[in-house]
Amino acid sequence: MSVPSRFLVHETRAARALPIPVPLPAVAEVLDTVRAELRAAGRPASDAALSVDEQGQLVVAYVLDPRDVR
């Protein structure tokens, strides 16, 4: 499974969502990608929040510098 595309949630808040159930290696890959994005922006990985949304998806949400949002 490849990492899902990042989608814009708010002006500077982004998220990556995975349908549940999801294999643990896919979760690890998404978390590693988010950690790398945050590290590149000089932010700690602890800035990301992990939750399950109302559609039953595992969501990793985090704030980005607006210049990094494409």
C-alpha atoms as a PDB file:
ATOM      1  CA  MET A   1       0.000   0.000   0.000  1.00  0.00           C
ATOM      2  CA  SER A   2       1.401   3.400  -0.903  1.00  0.00           C
ATOM      3  CA  VAL A   3       1.129   6.507   1.241  1.00  0.00           C
ATOM      4  CA  PRO A   4      -2.117   8.380   0.511  1.00  0.00           C
ATOM      5  CA  SER A   5      -1.905  11.892  -0.878  1.00  0.00           C
ATOM      6  CA  ARG A   6      -1.834  14.745   1.596  1.00  0.00           C
ATOM      7  CA  PHE A   7      -4.977  16.839   1.480  1.00  0.00           C
ATOM      8  CA  LEU A   8      -5.514  20.365   2.759  1.00  0.00           C
ATOM      9  CA  VAL A   9      -7.832  20.521   5.765  1.00  0.00           C
ATOM     10  CA  HIS A  10      -7.393  24.153   6.710  1.00  0.00           C
ATOM     11  CA  GLU A  11      -5.147  26.937   5.524  1.00  0.00           C
ATOM     12  CA  THR A  12      -2.102  25.458   7.255  1.00  0.00           C
ATOM     13  CA  ARG A  13      -3.426  22.170   8.615  1.00  0.00           C
ATOM     14  CA  ALA A  14      -2.990  18.997   6.585  1.00  0.00           C
ATOM     15  CA  ALA A  15      -3.963  15.381   7.142  1.00  0.00           C
ATOM     16  CA  ARG A  16      -3.360  11.914   5.785  1.00  0.00           C
ATOM     17  CA  ALA A  17      -6.132   9.362   6.213  1.00  0.00           C
ATOM     18  CA  LEU A  18      -6.133   5.568   6.005  1.00  0.00           C
ATOM     19  CA  PRO A  19      -9.219   3.344   5.960  1.00  0.00           C
ATOM     20  CA  ILE A  20      -9.582   0.990   8.928  1.00  0.00           C
ATOM     21  CA  PRO A  21      -8.626  -1.814   9.121  1.00  0.00           C
ATOM     22  CA  VAL A  22      -5.175  -0.983   7.794  1.00  0.00           C
ATOM     23  CA  PRO A  23      -1.988  -3.064   7.987  1.00  0.00           C
ATOM     24  CA  LEU A  24       0.536  -1.835  10.553  1.00  0.00           C
ATOM     25  CA  PRO A  25       3.281  -1.407   7.919  1.00  0.00           C
ATOM     26  CA  ALA A  26       1.014   1.089   6.101  1.00  0.00           C
ATOM     27  CA  VAL A  27       0.479   3.019   9.350  1.00  0.00           C
ATOM     28  CA  ALA A  28       4.236   3.042   9.960  1.00  0.00           C
ATOM     29  CA  GLU A  29       4.857   4.328   6.432  1.00  0.00           C
ATOM     30  CA  VAL A  30       2.382   7.188   6.868  1.00  0.00           C
ATOM     31  CA  LEU A  31       3.788   8.125  10.281  1.00  0.00           C
ATOM     32  CA  ASP A  32       7.325   8.072   8.865  1.00  0.00           C
ATOM     33  CA  THR A  33       6.251  10.330   5.981  1.00  0.00           C
ATOM     34  CA  VAL A  34       4.567  12.823   8.321  1.00  0.00           C
ATOM     35  CA  ARG A  35       7.576  12.773  10.654  1.00  0.00           C
ATOM     36  CA  ALA A  36       9.890  13.523   7.712  1.00  0.00           C
ATOM     37  CA  GLU A  37       7.677  16.413   6.549  1.00  0.00           C
ATOM     38  CA  LEU A  38       7.604  17.894  10.033  1.00  0.00           C
ATOM     39  CA  ARG A  39      11.340  17.394  10.503  1.00  0.00           C
ATOM     40  CA  ALA A  40      12.007  19.151   7.175  1.00  0.00           C
ATOM     41  CA  ALA A  41       9.940  22.080   8.466  1.00  0.00           C
ATOM     42  CA  GLY A  42      11.928  22.129  11.733  1.00  0.00           C
ATOM     43  CA  ARG A  43       8.987  20.879  13.796  1.00  0.00           C
ATOM     44  CA  PRO A  44       8.797  17.936  16.219  1.00  0.00           C
ATOM     45  CA  ALA A  45       6.841  14.806  15.310  1.00  0.00           C
ATOM     46  CA  SER A  46       4.780  15.370  18.451  1.00  0.00           C
ATOM     47  CA  ASP A  47       3.039  18.202  16.555  1.00  0.00           C
ATOM     48  CA  ALA A  48       1.031  15.544  14.696  1.00  0.00           C
ATOM     49  CA  ALA A  49      -2.251  14.255  16.116  1.00  0.00           C
ATOM     50  CA  LEU A  50      -3.554  10.742  15.475  1.00  0.00           C
ATOM     51  CA  SER A  51      -7.315  10.094  15.604  1.00  0.00           C
ATOM     52  CA  VAL A  52     -10.179   8.107  14.078  1.00  0.00           C
ATOM     53  CA  ASP A  53     -12.679  10.267  12.196  1.00  0.00           C
ATOM     54  CA  GLU A  54     -16.447   9.814  11.825  1.00  0.00           C
ATOM     55  CA  GLN A  55     -15.950   7.844   8.584  1.00  0.00           C
ATOM     56  CA  GLY A  56     -13.829   5.317  10.466  1.00  0.00           C
ATOM     57  CA  GLN A  57     -10.506   6.402   8.977  1.00  0.00           C
ATOM     58  CA  LEU A  58      -7.239   6.662  10.867  1.00  0.00           C
ATOM     59  CA  VAL A  59      -6.215  10.318  10.447  1.00  0.00           C
ATOM     60  CA  VAL A  60      -2.829  11.913  11.083  1.00  0.00           C
ATOM     61  CA  ALA A  61      -3.314  15.705  11.200  1.00  0.00           C
ATOM     62  CA  TYR A  62      -0.553  18.289  11.448  1.00  0.00           C
ATOM     63  CA  VAL A  63       0.157  21.953  10.851  1.00  0.00           C
ATOM     64  CA  LEU A  64       2.396  23.014   7.973  1.00  0.00           C
ATOM     65  CA  ASP A  65       4.049  26.248   7.052  1.00  0.00           C
ATOM     66  CA  PRO A  66       1.749  27.754   4.384  1.00  0.00           C
ATOM     67  CA  ARG A  67       4.733  27.937   2.015  1.00  0.00           C
ATOM     68  CA  ASP A  68       4.964  24.115   2.139  1.00  0.00           C
ATOM     69  CA  VAL A  69       1.332  23.526   1.113  1.00  0.00           C
ATOM     70  CA  ARG A  70       0.969  22.680  -2.575  1.00  0.00           C
END
